Amino acid sequence: TKECLDGYHGRIGIYEVLTVNETIK
């Protein structure tokens, strides 16, 4: 749009959370 030329504004995280449980240990 005229307001936002590329259609993106700001950033946000994408995540993965690996819990270190007994099998991972």
PDBML (XML) file of the C-alpha atoms, coordinates in Angstrom:
<?xml version="1.0" encoding="UTF-8" ?>
<PDBx:datablock datablockName="MODEL"
   xmlns:PDBx="http://pdbml.pdb.org/schema/pdbx-v50.xsd"
   xmlns:xsi="http://www.w3.org/2001/XMLSchema-instance"
   xsi:schemaLocation="http://pdbml.pdb.org/schema/pdbx-v50.xsd pdbx-v50.xsd">
   <PDBx:atom_siteCategory>
      <PDBx:atom_site id="1">
         <PDBx:B_iso_or_equiv>0.00</PDBx:B_iso_or_equiv>
         <PDBx:Cartn_x>0.000</PDBx:Cartn_x>
         <PDBx:Cartn_y>0.000</PDBx:Cartn_y>
         <PDBx:Cartn_z>0.000</PDBx:Cartn_z>
         <PDBx:auth_asym_id>A</PDBx:auth_asym_id>
         <PDBx:auth_atom_id>CA</PDBx:auth_atom_id>
         <PDBx:auth_comp_id>THR</PDBx:auth_comp_id>
         <PDBx:auth_seq_id>1</PDBx:auth_seq_id>
         <PDBx:group_PDB>ATOM</PDBx:group_PDB>
         <PDBx:label_alt_id xsi:nil="true" />
         <PDBx:label_asym_id>A</PDBx:label_asym_id>
         <PDBx:label_atom_id>CA</PDBx:label_atom_id>
         <PDBx:label_comp_id>THR</PDBx:label_comp_id>
         <PDBx:label_entity_id>1</PDBx:label_entity_id>
         <PDBx:label_seq_id>1</PDBx:label_seq_id>
         <PDBx:occupancy>1.00</PDBx:occupancy>
         <PDBx:pdbx_PDB_model_num>1</PDBx:pdbx_PDB_model_num>
         <PDBx:type_symbol>C</PDBx:type_symbol>
      </PDBx:atom_site>
      <PDBx:atom_site id="2">
         <PDBx:B_iso_or_equiv>0.00</PDBx:B_iso_or_equiv>
         <PDBx:Cartn_x>1.038</PDBx:Cartn_x>
         <PDBx:Cartn_y>3.659</PDBx:Cartn_y>
         <PDBx:Cartn_z>-0.078</PDBx:Cartn_z>
         <PDBx:auth_asym_id>A</PDBx:auth_asym_id>
         <PDBx:auth_atom_id>CA</PDBx:auth_atom_id>
         <PDBx:auth_comp_id>LYS</PDBx:auth_comp_id>
         <PDBx:auth_seq_id>2</PDBx:auth_seq_id>
         <PDBx:group_PDB>ATOM</PDBx:group_PDB>
         <PDBx:label_alt_id xsi:nil="true" />
         <PDBx:label_asym_id>A</PDBx:label_asym_id>
         <PDBx:label_atom_id>CA</PDBx:label_atom_id>
         <PDBx:label_comp_id>LYS</PDBx:label_comp_id>
         <PDBx:label_entity_id>1</PDBx:label_entity_id>
         <PDBx:label_seq_id>2</PDBx:label_seq_id>
         <PDBx:occupancy>1.00</PDBx:occupancy>
         <PDBx:pdbx_PDB_model_num>1</PDBx:pdbx_PDB_model_num>
         <PDBx:type_symbol>C</PDBx:type_symbol>
      </PDBx:atom_site>
      <PDBx:atom_site id="3">
         <PDBx:B_iso_or_equiv>0.00</PDBx:B_iso_or_equiv>
         <PDBx:Cartn_x>1.353</PDBx:Cartn_x>
         <PDBx:Cartn_y>3.441</PDBx:Cartn_y>
         <PDBx:Cartn_z>3.704</PDBx:Cartn_z>
         <PDBx:auth_asym_id>A</PDBx:auth_asym_id>
         <PDBx:auth_atom_id>CA</PDBx:auth_atom_id>
         <PDBx:auth_comp_id>GLU</PDBx:auth_comp_id>
         <PDBx:auth_seq_id>3</PDBx:auth_seq_id>
         <PDBx:group_PDB>ATOM</PDBx:group_PDB>
         <PDBx:label_alt_id xsi:nil="true" />
         <PDBx:label_asym_id>A</PDBx:label_asym_id>
         <PDBx:label_atom_id>CA</PDBx:label_atom_id>
         <PDBx:label_comp_id>GLU</PDBx:label_comp_id>
         <PDBx:label_entity_id>1</PDBx:label_entity_id>
         <PDBx:label_seq_id>3</PDBx:label_seq_id>
         <PDBx:occupancy>1.00</PDBx:occupancy>
         <PDBx:pdbx_PDB_model_num>1</PDBx:pdbx_PDB_model_num>
         <PDBx:type_symbol>C</PDBx:type_symbol>
      </PDBx:atom_site>
      <PDBx:atom_site id="4">
         <PDBx:B_iso_or_equiv>0.00</PDBx:B_iso_or_equiv>
         <PDBx:Cartn_x>3.496</PDBx:Cartn_x>
         <PDBx:Cartn_y>0.290</PDBx:Cartn_y>
         <PDBx:Cartn_z>3.627</PDBx:Cartn_z>
         <PDBx:auth_asym_id>A</PDBx:auth_asym_id>
         <PDBx:auth_atom_id>CA</PDBx:auth_atom_id>
         <PDBx:auth_comp_id>CYS</PDBx:auth_comp_id>
         <PDBx:auth_seq_id>4</PDBx:auth_seq_id>
         <PDBx:group_PDB>ATOM</PDBx:group_PDB>
         <PDBx:label_alt_id xsi:nil="true" />
         <PDBx:label_asym_id>A</PDBx:label_asym_id>
         <PDBx:label_atom_id>CA</PDBx:label_atom_id>
         <PDBx:label_comp_id>CYS</PDBx:label_comp_id>
         <PDBx:label_entity_id>1</PDBx:label_entity_id>
         <PDBx:label_seq_id>4</PDBx:label_seq_id>
         <PDBx:occupancy>1.00</PDBx:occupancy>
         <PDBx:pdbx_PDB_model_num>1</PDBx:pdbx_PDB_model_num>
         <PDBx:type_symbol>C</PDBx:type_symbol>
      </PDBx:atom_site>
      <PDBx:atom_site id="5">
         <PDBx:B_iso_or_equiv>0.00</PDBx:B_iso_or_equiv>
         <PDBx:Cartn_x>5.278</PDBx:Cartn_x>
         <PDBx:Cartn_y>-0.288</PDBx:Cartn_y>
         <PDBx:Cartn_z>0.319</PDBx:Cartn_z>
         <PDBx:auth_asym_id>A</PDBx:auth_asym_id>
         <PDBx:auth_atom_id>CA</PDBx:auth_atom_id>
         <PDBx:auth_comp_id>LEU</PDBx:auth_comp_id>
         <PDBx:auth_seq_id>5</PDBx:auth_seq_id>
         <PDBx:group_PDB>ATOM</PDBx:group_PDB>
         <PDBx:label_alt_id xsi:nil="true" />
         <PDBx:label_asym_id>A</PDBx:label_asym_id>
         <PDBx:label_atom_id>CA</PDBx:label_atom_id>
         <PDBx:label_comp_id>LEU</PDBx:label_comp_id>
         <PDBx:label_entity_id>1</PDBx:label_entity_id>
         <PDBx:label_seq_id>5</PDBx:label_seq_id>
         <PDBx:occupancy>1.00</PDBx:occupancy>
         <PDBx:pdbx_PDB_model_num>1</PDBx:pdbx_PDB_model_num>
         <PDBx:type_symbol>C</PDBx:type_symbol>
      </PDBx:atom_site>
      <PDBx:atom_site id="6">
         <PDBx:B_iso_or_equiv>0.00</PDBx:B_iso_or_equiv>
         <PDBx:Cartn_x>6.322</PDBx:Cartn_x>
         <PDBx:Cartn_y>-3.913</PDBx:Cartn_y>
         <PDBx:Cartn_z>0.814</PDBx:Cartn_z>
         <PDBx:auth_asym_id>A</PDBx:auth_asym_id>
         <PDBx:auth_atom_id>CA</PDBx:auth_atom_id>
         <PDBx:auth_comp_id>ASP</PDBx:auth_comp_id>
         <PDBx:auth_seq_id>6</PDBx:auth_seq_id>
         <PDBx:group_PDB>ATOM</PDBx:group_PDB>
         <PDBx:label_alt_id xsi:nil="true" />
         <PDBx:label_asym_id>A</PDBx:label_asym_id>
         <PDBx:label_atom_id>CA</PDBx:label_atom_id>
         <PDBx:label_comp_id>ASP</PDBx:label_comp_id>
         <PDBx:label_entity_id>1</PDBx:label_entity_id>
         <PDBx:label_seq_id>6</PDBx:label_seq_id>
         <PDBx:occupancy>1.00</PDBx:occupancy>
         <PDBx:pdbx_PDB_model_num>1</PDBx:pdbx_PDB_model_num>
         <PDBx:type_symbol>C</PDBx:type_symbol>
      </PDBx:atom_site>
      <PDBx:atom_site id="7">
         <PDBx:B_iso_or_equiv>0.00</PDBx:B_iso_or_equiv>
         <PDBx:Cartn_x>3.297</PDBx:Cartn_x>
         <PDBx:Cartn_y>-4.984</PDBx:Cartn_y>
         <PDBx:Cartn_z>2.883</PDBx:Cartn_z>
         <PDBx:auth_asym_id>A</PDBx:auth_asym_id>
         <PDBx:auth_atom_id>CA</PDBx:auth_atom_id>
         <PDBx:auth_comp_id>GLY</PDBx:auth_comp_id>
         <PDBx:auth_seq_id>7</PDBx:auth_seq_id>
         <PDBx:group_PDB>ATOM</PDBx:group_PDB>
         <PDBx:label_alt_id xsi:nil="true" />
         <PDBx:label_asym_id>A</PDBx:label_asym_id>
         <PDBx:label_atom_id>CA</PDBx:label_atom_id>
         <PDBx:label_comp_id>GLY</PDBx:label_comp_id>
         <PDBx:label_entity_id>1</PDBx:label_entity_id>
         <PDBx:label_seq_id>7</PDBx:label_seq_id>
         <PDBx:occupancy>1.00</PDBx:occupancy>
         <PDBx:pdbx_PDB_model_num>1</PDBx:pdbx_PDB_model_num>
         <PDBx:type_symbol>C</PDBx:type_symbol>
      </PDBx:atom_site>
      <PDBx:atom_site id="8">
         <PDBx:B_iso_or_equiv>0.00</PDBx:B_iso_or_equiv>
         <PDBx:Cartn_x>5.356</PDBx:Cartn_x>
         <PDBx:Cartn_y>-5.791</PDBx:Cartn_y>
         <PDBx:Cartn_z>5.985</PDBx:Cartn_z>
         <PDBx:auth_asym_id>A</PDBx:auth_asym_id>
         <PDBx:auth_atom_id>CA</PDBx:auth_atom_id>
         <PDBx:auth_comp_id>TYR</PDBx:auth_comp_id>
         <PDBx:auth_seq_id>8</PDBx:auth_seq_id>
         <PDBx:group_PDB>ATOM</PDBx:group_PDB>
         <PDBx:label_alt_id xsi:nil="true" />
         <PDBx:label_asym_id>A</PDBx:label_asym_id>
         <PDBx:label_atom_id>CA</PDBx:label_atom_id>
         <PDBx:label_comp_id>TYR</PDBx:label_comp_id>
         <PDBx:label_entity_id>1</PDBx:label_entity_id>
         <PDBx:label_seq_id>8</PDBx:label_seq_id>
         <PDBx:occupancy>1.00</PDBx:occupancy>
         <PDBx:pdbx_PDB_model_num>1</PDBx:pdbx_PDB_model_num>
         <PDBx:type_symbol>C</PDBx:type_symbol>
      </PDBx:atom_site>
      <PDBx:atom_site id="9">
         <PDBx:B_iso_or_equiv>0.00</PDBx:B_iso_or_equiv>
         <PDBx:Cartn_x>5.725</PDBx:Cartn_x>
         <PDBx:Cartn_y>-3.745</PDBx:Cartn_y>
         <PDBx:Cartn_z>9.162</PDBx:Cartn_z>
         <PDBx:auth_asym_id>A</PDBx:auth_asym_id>
         <PDBx:auth_atom_id>CA</PDBx:auth_atom_id>
         <PDBx:auth_comp_id>HIS</PDBx:auth_comp_id>
         <PDBx:auth_seq_id>9</PDBx:auth_seq_id>
         <PDBx:group_PDB>ATOM</PDBx:group_PDB>
         <PDBx:label_alt_id xsi:nil="true" />
         <PDBx:label_asym_id>A</PDBx:label_asym_id>
         <PDBx:label_atom_id>CA</PDBx:label_atom_id>
         <PDBx:label_comp_id>HIS</PDBx:label_comp_id>
         <PDBx:label_entity_id>1</PDBx:label_entity_id>
         <PDBx:label_seq_id>9</PDBx:label_seq_id>
         <PDBx:occupancy>1.00</PDBx:occupancy>
         <PDBx:pdbx_PDB_model_num>1</PDBx:pdbx_PDB_model_num>
         <PDBx:type_symbol>C</PDBx:type_symbol>
      </PDBx:atom_site>
      <PDBx:atom_site id="10">
         <PDBx:B_iso_or_equiv>0.00</PDBx:B_iso_or_equiv>
         <PDBx:Cartn_x>7.782</PDBx:Cartn_x>
         <PDBx:Cartn_y>-4.812</PDBx:Cartn_y>
         <PDBx:Cartn_z>12.170</PDBx:Cartn_z>
         <PDBx:auth_asym_id>A</PDBx:auth_asym_id>
         <PDBx:auth_atom_id>CA</PDBx:auth_atom_id>
         <PDBx:auth_comp_id>GLY</PDBx:auth_comp_id>
         <PDBx:auth_seq_id>10</PDBx:auth_seq_id>
         <PDBx:group_PDB>ATOM</PDBx:group_PDB>
         <PDBx:label_alt_id xsi:nil="true" />
         <PDBx:label_asym_id>A</PDBx:label_asym_id>
         <PDBx:label_atom_id>CA</PDBx:label_atom_id>
         <PDBx:label_comp_id>GLY</PDBx:label_comp_id>
         <PDBx:label_entity_id>1</PDBx:label_entity_id>
         <PDBx:label_seq_id>10</PDBx:label_seq_id>
         <PDBx:occupancy>1.00</PDBx:occupancy>
         <PDBx:pdbx_PDB_model_num>1</PDBx:pdbx_PDB_model_num>
         <PDBx:type_symbol>C</PDBx:type_symbol>
      </PDBx:atom_site>
      <PDBx:atom_site id="11">
         <PDBx:B_iso_or_equiv>0.00</PDBx:B_iso_or_equiv>
         <PDBx:Cartn_x>9.065</PDBx:Cartn_x>
         <PDBx:Cartn_y>-8.239</PDBx:Cartn_y>
         <PDBx:Cartn_z>13.153</PDBx:Cartn_z>
         <PDBx:auth_asym_id>A</PDBx:auth_asym_id>
         <PDBx:auth_atom_id>CA</PDBx:auth_atom_id>
         <PDBx:auth_comp_id>ARG</PDBx:auth_comp_id>
         <PDBx:auth_seq_id>11</PDBx:auth_seq_id>
         <PDBx:group_PDB>ATOM</PDBx:group_PDB>
         <PDBx:label_alt_id xsi:nil="true" />
         <PDBx:label_asym_id>A</PDBx:label_asym_id>
         <PDBx:label_atom_id>CA</PDBx:label_atom_id>
         <PDBx:label_comp_id>ARG</PDBx:label_comp_id>
         <PDBx:label_entity_id>1</PDBx:label_entity_id>
         <PDBx:label_seq_id>11</PDBx:label_seq_id>
         <PDBx:occupancy>1.00</PDBx:occupancy>
         <PDBx:pdbx_PDB_model_num>1</PDBx:pdbx_PDB_model_num>
         <PDBx:type_symbol>C</PDBx:type_symbol>
      </PDBx:atom_site>
      <PDBx:atom_site id="12">
         <PDBx:B_iso_or_equiv>0.00</PDBx:B_iso_or_equiv>
         <PDBx:Cartn_x>8.044</PDBx:Cartn_x>
         <PDBx:Cartn_y>-11.127</PDBx:Cartn_y>
         <PDBx:Cartn_z>15.364</PDBx:Cartn_z>
         <PDBx:auth_asym_id>A</PDBx:auth_asym_id>
         <PDBx:auth_atom_id>CA</PDBx:auth_atom_id>
         <PDBx:auth_comp_id>ILE</PDBx:auth_comp_id>
         <PDBx:auth_seq_id>12</PDBx:auth_seq_id>
         <PDBx:group_PDB>ATOM</PDBx:group_PDB>
         <PDBx:label_alt_id xsi:nil="true" />
         <PDBx:label_asym_id>A</PDBx:label_asym_id>
         <PDBx:label_atom_id>CA</PDBx:label_atom_id>
         <PDBx:label_comp_id>ILE</PDBx:label_comp_id>
         <PDBx:label_entity_id>1</PDBx:label_entity_id>
         <PDBx:label_seq_id>12</PDBx:label_seq_id>
         <PDBx:occupancy>1.00</PDBx:occupancy>
         <PDBx:pdbx_PDB_model_num>1</PDBx:pdbx_PDB_model_num>
         <PDBx:type_symbol>C</PDBx:type_symbol>
      </PDBx:atom_site>
      <PDBx:atom_site id="13">
         <PDBx:B_iso_or_equiv>0.00</PDBx:B_iso_or_equiv>
         <PDBx:Cartn_x>9.842</PDBx:Cartn_x>
         <PDBx:Cartn_y>-14.247</PDBx:Cartn_y>
         <PDBx:Cartn_z>16.544</PDBx:Cartn_z>
         <PDBx:auth_asym_id>A</PDBx:auth_asym_id>
         <PDBx:auth_atom_id>CA</PDBx:auth_atom_id>
         <PDBx:auth_comp_id>GLY</PDBx:auth_comp_id>
         <PDBx:auth_seq_id>13</PDBx:auth_seq_id>
         <PDBx:group_PDB>ATOM</PDBx:group_PDB>
         <PDBx:label_alt_id xsi:nil="true" />
         <PDBx:label_asym_id>A</PDBx:label_asym_id>
         <PDBx:label_atom_id>CA</PDBx:label_atom_id>
         <PDBx:label_comp_id>GLY</PDBx:label_comp_id>
         <PDBx:label_entity_id>1</PDBx:label_entity_id>
         <PDBx:label_seq_id>13</PDBx:label_seq_id>
         <PDBx:occupancy>1.00</PDBx:occupancy>
         <PDBx:pdbx_PDB_model_num>1</PDBx:pdbx_PDB_model_num>
         <PDBx:type_symbol>C</PDBx:type_symbol>
      </PDBx:atom_site>
      <PDBx:atom_site id="14">
         <PDBx:B_iso_or_equiv>0.00</PDBx:B_iso_or_equiv>
         <PDBx:Cartn_x>9.228</PDBx:Cartn_x>
         <PDBx:Cartn_y>-17.819</PDBx:Cartn_y>
         <PDBx:Cartn_z>15.529</PDBx:Cartn_z>
         <PDBx:auth_asym_id>A</PDBx:auth_asym_id>
         <PDBx:auth_atom_id>CA</PDBx:auth_atom_id>
         <PDBx:auth_comp_id>ILE</PDBx:auth_comp_id>
         <PDBx:auth_seq_id>14</PDBx:auth_seq_id>
         <PDBx:group_PDB>ATOM</PDBx:group_PDB>
         <PDBx:label_alt_id xsi:nil="true" />
         <PDBx:label_asym_id>A</PDBx:label_asym_id>
         <PDBx:label_atom_id>CA</PDBx:label_atom_id>
         <PDBx:label_comp_id>ILE</PDBx:label_comp_id>
         <PDBx:label_entity_id>1</PDBx:label_entity_id>
         <PDBx:label_seq_id>14</PDBx:label_seq_id>
         <PDBx:occupancy>1.00</PDBx:occupancy>
         <PDBx:pdbx_PDB_model_num>1</PDBx:pdbx_PDB_model_num>
         <PDBx:type_symbol>C</PDBx:type_symbol>
      </PDBx:atom_site>
      <PDBx:atom_site id="15">
         <PDBx:B_iso_or_equiv>0.00</PDBx:B_iso_or_equiv>
         <PDBx:Cartn_x>10.476</PDBx:Cartn_x>
         <PDBx:Cartn_y>-20.295</PDBx:Cartn_y>
         <PDBx:Cartn_z>18.113</PDBx:Cartn_z>
         <PDBx:auth_asym_id>A</PDBx:auth_asym_id>
         <PDBx:auth_atom_id>CA</PDBx:auth_atom_id>
         <PDBx:auth_comp_id>TYR</PDBx:auth_comp_id>
         <PDBx:auth_seq_id>15</PDBx:auth_seq_id>
         <PDBx:group_PDB>ATOM</PDBx:group_PDB>
         <PDBx:label_alt_id xsi:nil="true" />
         <PDBx:label_asym_id>A</PDBx:label_asym_id>
         <PDBx:label_atom_id>CA</PDBx:label_atom_id>
         <PDBx:label_comp_id>TYR</PDBx:label_comp_id>
         <PDBx:label_entity_id>1</PDBx:label_entity_id>
         <PDBx:label_seq_id>15</PDBx:label_seq_id>
         <PDBx:occupancy>1.00</PDBx:occupancy>
         <PDBx:pdbx_PDB_model_num>1</PDBx:pdbx_PDB_model_num>
         <PDBx:type_symbol>C</PDBx:type_symbol>
      </PDBx:atom_site>
      <PDBx:atom_site id="16">
         <PDBx:B_iso_or_equiv>0.00</PDBx:B_iso_or_equiv>
         <PDBx:Cartn_x>11.211</PDBx:Cartn_x>
         <PDBx:Cartn_y>-23.865</PDBx:Cartn_y>
         <PDBx:Cartn_z>19.024</PDBx:Cartn_z>
         <PDBx:auth_asym_id>A</PDBx:auth_asym_id>
         <PDBx:auth_atom_id>CA</PDBx:auth_atom_id>
         <PDBx:auth_comp_id>GLU</PDBx:auth_comp_id>
         <PDBx:auth_seq_id>16</PDBx:auth_seq_id>
         <PDBx:group_PDB>ATOM</PDBx:group_PDB>
         <PDBx:label_alt_id xsi:nil="true" />
         <PDBx:label_asym_id>A</PDBx:label_asym_id>
         <PDBx:label_atom_id>CA</PDBx:label_atom_id>
         <PDBx:label_comp_id>GLU</PDBx:label_comp_id>
         <PDBx:label_entity_id>1</PDBx:label_entity_id>
         <PDBx:label_seq_id>16</PDBx:label_seq_id>
         <PDBx:occupancy>1.00</PDBx:occupancy>
         <PDBx:pdbx_PDB_model_num>1</PDBx:pdbx_PDB_model_num>
         <PDBx:type_symbol>C</PDBx:type_symbol>
      </PDBx:atom_site>
      <PDBx:atom_site id="17">
         <PDBx:B_iso_or_equiv>0.00</PDBx:B_iso_or_equiv>
         <PDBx:Cartn_x>11.635</PDBx:Cartn_x>
         <PDBx:Cartn_y>-24.924</PDBx:Cartn_y>
         <PDBx:Cartn_z>22.619</PDBx:Cartn_z>
         <PDBx:auth_asym_id>A</PDBx:auth_asym_id>
         <PDBx:auth_atom_id>CA</PDBx:auth_atom_id>
         <PDBx:auth_comp_id>VAL</PDBx:auth_comp_id>
         <PDBx:auth_seq_id>17</PDBx:auth_seq_id>
         <PDBx:group_PDB>ATOM</PDBx:group_PDB>
         <PDBx:label_alt_id xsi:nil="true" />
         <PDBx:label_asym_id>A</PDBx:label_asym_id>
         <PDBx:label_atom_id>CA</PDBx:label_atom_id>
         <PDBx:label_comp_id>VAL</PDBx:label_comp_id>
         <PDBx:label_entity_id>1</PDBx:label_entity_id>
         <PDBx:label_seq_id>17</PDBx:label_seq_id>
         <PDBx:occupancy>1.00</PDBx:occupancy>
         <PDBx:pdbx_PDB_model_num>1</PDBx:pdbx_PDB_model_num>
         <PDBx:type_symbol>C</PDBx:type_symbol>
      </PDBx:atom_site>
      <PDBx:atom_site id="18">
         <PDBx:B_iso_or_equiv>0.00</PDBx:B_iso_or_equiv>
         <PDBx:Cartn_x>13.579</PDBx:Cartn_x>
         <PDBx:Cartn_y>-28.093</PDBx:Cartn_y>
         <PDBx:Cartn_z>23.361</PDBx:Cartn_z>
         <PDBx:auth_asym_id>A</PDBx:auth_asym_id>
         <PDBx:auth_atom_id>CA</PDBx:auth_atom_id>
         <PDBx:auth_comp_id>LEU</PDBx:auth_comp_id>
         <PDBx:auth_seq_id>18</PDBx:auth_seq_id>
         <PDBx:group_PDB>ATOM</PDBx:group_PDB>
         <PDBx:label_alt_id xsi:nil="true" />
         <PDBx:label_asym_id>A</PDBx:label_asym_id>
         <PDBx:label_atom_id>CA</PDBx:label_atom_id>
         <PDBx:label_comp_id>LEU</PDBx:label_comp_id>
         <PDBx:label_entity_id>1</PDBx:label_entity_id>
         <PDBx:label_seq_id>18</PDBx:label_seq_id>
         <PDBx:occupancy>1.00</PDBx:occupancy>
         <PDBx:pdbx_PDB_model_num>1</PDBx:pdbx_PDB_model_num>
         <PDBx:type_symbol>C</PDBx:type_symbol>
      </PDBx:atom_site>
      <PDBx:atom_site id="19">
         <PDBx:B_iso_or_equiv>0.00</PDBx:B_iso_or_equiv>
         <PDBx:Cartn_x>12.990</PDBx:Cartn_x>
         <PDBx:Cartn_y>-29.301</PDBx:Cartn_y>
         <PDBx:Cartn_z>26.911</PDBx:Cartn_z>
         <PDBx:auth_asym_id>A</PDBx:auth_asym_id>
         <PDBx:auth_atom_id>CA</PDBx:auth_atom_id>
         <PDBx:auth_comp_id>THR</PDBx:auth_comp_id>
         <PDBx:auth_seq_id>19</PDBx:auth_seq_id>
         <PDBx:group_PDB>ATOM</PDBx:group_PDB>
         <PDBx:label_alt_id xsi:nil="true" />
         <PDBx:label_asym_id>A</PDBx:label_asym_id>
         <PDBx:label_atom_id>CA</PDBx:label_atom_id>
         <PDBx:label_comp_id>THR</PDBx:label_comp_id>
         <PDBx:label_entity_id>1</PDBx:label_entity_id>
         <PDBx:label_seq_id>19</PDBx:label_seq_id>
         <PDBx:occupancy>1.00</PDBx:occupancy>
         <PDBx:pdbx_PDB_model_num>1</PDBx:pdbx_PDB_model_num>
         <PDBx:type_symbol>C</PDBx:type_symbol>
      </PDBx:atom_site>
      <PDBx:atom_site id="20">
         <PDBx:B_iso_or_equiv>0.00</PDBx:B_iso_or_equiv>
         <PDBx:Cartn_x>15.917</PDBx:Cartn_x>
         <PDBx:Cartn_y>-31.331</PDBx:Cartn_y>
         <PDBx:Cartn_z>28.220</PDBx:Cartn_z>
         <PDBx:auth_asym_id>A</PDBx:auth_asym_id>
         <PDBx:auth_atom_id>CA</PDBx:auth_atom_id>
         <PDBx:auth_comp_id>VAL</PDBx:auth_comp_id>
         <PDBx:auth_seq_id>20</PDBx:auth_seq_id>
         <PDBx:group_PDB>ATOM</PDBx:group_PDB>
         <PDBx:label_alt_id xsi:nil="true" />
         <PDBx:label_asym_id>A</PDBx:label_asym_id>
         <PDBx:label_atom_id>CA</PDBx:label_atom_id>
         <PDBx:label_comp_id>VAL</PDBx:label_comp_id>
         <PDBx:label_entity_id>1</PDBx:label_entity_id>
         <PDBx:label_seq_id>20</PDBx:label_seq_id>
         <PDBx:occupancy>1.00</PDBx:occupancy>
         <PDBx:pdbx_PDB_model_num>1</PDBx:pdbx_PDB_model_num>
         <PDBx:type_symbol>C</PDBx:type_symbol>
      </PDBx:atom_site>
      <PDBx:atom_site id="21">
         <PDBx:B_iso_or_equiv>0.00</PDBx:B_iso_or_equiv>
         <PDBx:Cartn_x>14.086</PDBx:Cartn_x>
         <PDBx:Cartn_y>-34.284</PDBx:Cartn_y>
         <PDBx:Cartn_z>29.751</PDBx:Cartn_z>
         <PDBx:auth_asym_id>A</PDBx:auth_asym_id>
         <PDBx:auth_atom_id>CA</PDBx:auth_atom_id>
         <PDBx:auth_comp_id>ASN</PDBx:auth_comp_id>
         <PDBx:auth_seq_id>21</PDBx:auth_seq_id>
         <PDBx:group_PDB>ATOM</PDBx:group_PDB>
         <PDBx:label_alt_id xsi:nil="true" />
         <PDBx:label_asym_id>A</PDBx:label_asym_id>
         <PDBx:label_atom_id>CA</PDBx:label_atom_id>
         <PDBx:label_comp_id>ASN</PDBx:label_comp_id>
         <PDBx:label_entity_id>1</PDBx:label_entity_id>
         <PDBx:label_seq_id>21</PDBx:label_seq_id>
         <PDBx:occupancy>1.00</PDBx:occupancy>
         <PDBx:pdbx_PDB_model_num>1</PDBx:pdbx_PDB_model_num>
         <PDBx:type_symbol>C</PDBx:type_symbol>
      </PDBx:atom_site>
      <PDBx:atom_site id="22">
         <PDBx:B_iso_or_equiv>0.00</PDBx:B_iso_or_equiv>
         <PDBx:Cartn_x>15.428</PDBx:Cartn_x>
         <PDBx:Cartn_y>-37.737</PDBx:Cartn_y>
         <PDBx:Cartn_z>30.635</PDBx:Cartn_z>
         <PDBx:auth_asym_id>A</PDBx:auth_asym_id>
         <PDBx:auth_atom_id>CA</PDBx:auth_atom_id>
         <PDBx:auth_comp_id>GLU</PDBx:auth_comp_id>
         <PDBx:auth_seq_id>22</PDBx:auth_seq_id>
         <PDBx:group_PDB>ATOM</PDBx:group_PDB>
         <PDBx:label_alt_id xsi:nil="true" />
         <PDBx:label_asym_id>A</PDBx:label_asym_id>
         <PDBx:label_atom_id>CA</PDBx:label_atom_id>
         <PDBx:label_comp_id>GLU</PDBx:label_comp_id>
         <PDBx:label_entity_id>1</PDBx:label_entity_id>
         <PDBx:label_seq_id>22</PDBx:label_seq_id>
         <PDBx:occupancy>1.00</PDBx:occupancy>
         <PDBx:pdbx_PDB_model_num>1</PDBx:pdbx_PDB_model_num>
         <PDBx:type_symbol>C</PDBx:type_symbol>
      </PDBx:atom_site>
      <PDBx:atom_site id="23">
         <PDBx:B_iso_or_equiv>0.00</PDBx:B_iso_or_equiv>
         <PDBx:Cartn_x>15.419</PDBx:Cartn_x>
         <PDBx:Cartn_y>-39.113</PDBx:Cartn_y>
         <PDBx:Cartn_z>27.084</PDBx:Cartn_z>
         <PDBx:auth_asym_id>A</PDBx:auth_asym_id>
         <PDBx:auth_atom_id>CA</PDBx:auth_atom_id>
         <PDBx:auth_comp_id>THR</PDBx:auth_comp_id>
         <PDBx:auth_seq_id>23</PDBx:auth_seq_id>
         <PDBx:group_PDB>ATOM</PDBx:group_PDB>
         <PDBx:label_alt_id xsi:nil="true" />
         <PDBx:label_asym_id>A</PDBx:label_asym_id>
         <PDBx:label_atom_id>CA</PDBx:label_atom_id>
         <PDBx:label_comp_id>THR</PDBx:label_comp_id>
         <PDBx:label_entity_id>1</PDBx:label_entity_id>
         <PDBx:label_seq_id>23</PDBx:label_seq_id>
         <PDBx:occupancy>1.00</PDBx:occupancy>
         <PDBx:pdbx_PDB_model_num>1</PDBx:pdbx_PDB_model_num>
         <PDBx:type_symbol>C</PDBx:type_symbol>
      </PDBx:atom_site>
      <PDBx:atom_site id="24">
         <PDBx:B_iso_or_equiv>0.00</PDBx:B_iso_or_equiv>
         <PDBx:Cartn_x>17.215</PDBx:Cartn_x>
         <PDBx:Cartn_y>-36.028</PDBx:Cartn_y>
         <PDBx:Cartn_z>25.761</PDBx:Cartn_z>
         <PDBx:auth_asym_id>A</PDBx:auth_asym_id>
         <PDBx:auth_atom_id>CA</PDBx:auth_atom_id>
         <PDBx:auth_comp_id>ILE</PDBx:auth_comp_id>
         <PDBx:auth_seq_id>24</PDBx:auth_seq_id>
         <PDBx:group_PDB>ATOM</PDBx:group_PDB>
         <PDBx:label_alt_id xsi:nil="true" />
         <PDBx:label_asym_id>A</PDBx:label_asym_id>
         <PDBx:label_atom_id>CA</PDBx:label_atom_id>
         <PDBx:label_comp_id>ILE</PDBx:label_comp_id>
         <PDBx:label_entity_id>1</PDBx:label_entity_id>
         <PDBx:label_seq_id>24</PDBx:label_seq_id>
         <PDBx:occupancy>1.00</PDBx:occupancy>
         <PDBx:pdbx_PDB_model_num>1</PDBx:pdbx_PDB_model_num>
         <PDBx:type_symbol>C</PDBx:type_symbol>
      </PDBx:atom_site>
      <PDBx:atom_site id="25">
         <PDBx:B_iso_or_equiv>0.00</PDBx:B_iso_or_equiv>
         <PDBx:Cartn_x>19.731</PDBx:Cartn_x>
         <PDBx:Cartn_y>-36.249</PDBx:Cartn_y>
         <PDBx:Cartn_z>28.634</PDBx:Cartn_z>
         <PDBx:auth_asym_id>A</PDBx:auth_asym_id>
         <PDBx:auth_atom_id>CA</PDBx:auth_atom_id>
         <PDBx:auth_comp_id>LYS</PDBx:auth_comp_id>
         <PDBx:auth_seq_id>25</PDBx:auth_seq_id>
         <PDBx:group_PDB>ATOM</PDBx:group_PDB>
         <PDBx:label_alt_id xsi:nil="true" />
         <PDBx:label_asym_id>A</PDBx:label_asym_id>
         <PDBx:label_atom_id>CA</PDBx:label_atom_id>
         <PDBx:label_comp_id>LYS</PDBx:label_comp_id>
         <PDBx:label_entity_id>1</PDBx:label_entity_id>
         <PDBx:label_seq_id>25</PDBx:label_seq_id>
         <PDBx:occupancy>1.00</PDBx:occupancy>
         <PDBx:pdbx_PDB_model_num>1</PDBx:pdbx_PDB_model_num>
         <PDBx:type_symbol>C</PDBx:type_symbol>
      </PDBx:atom_site>
   </PDBx:atom_siteCategory>
</PDBx:datablock>
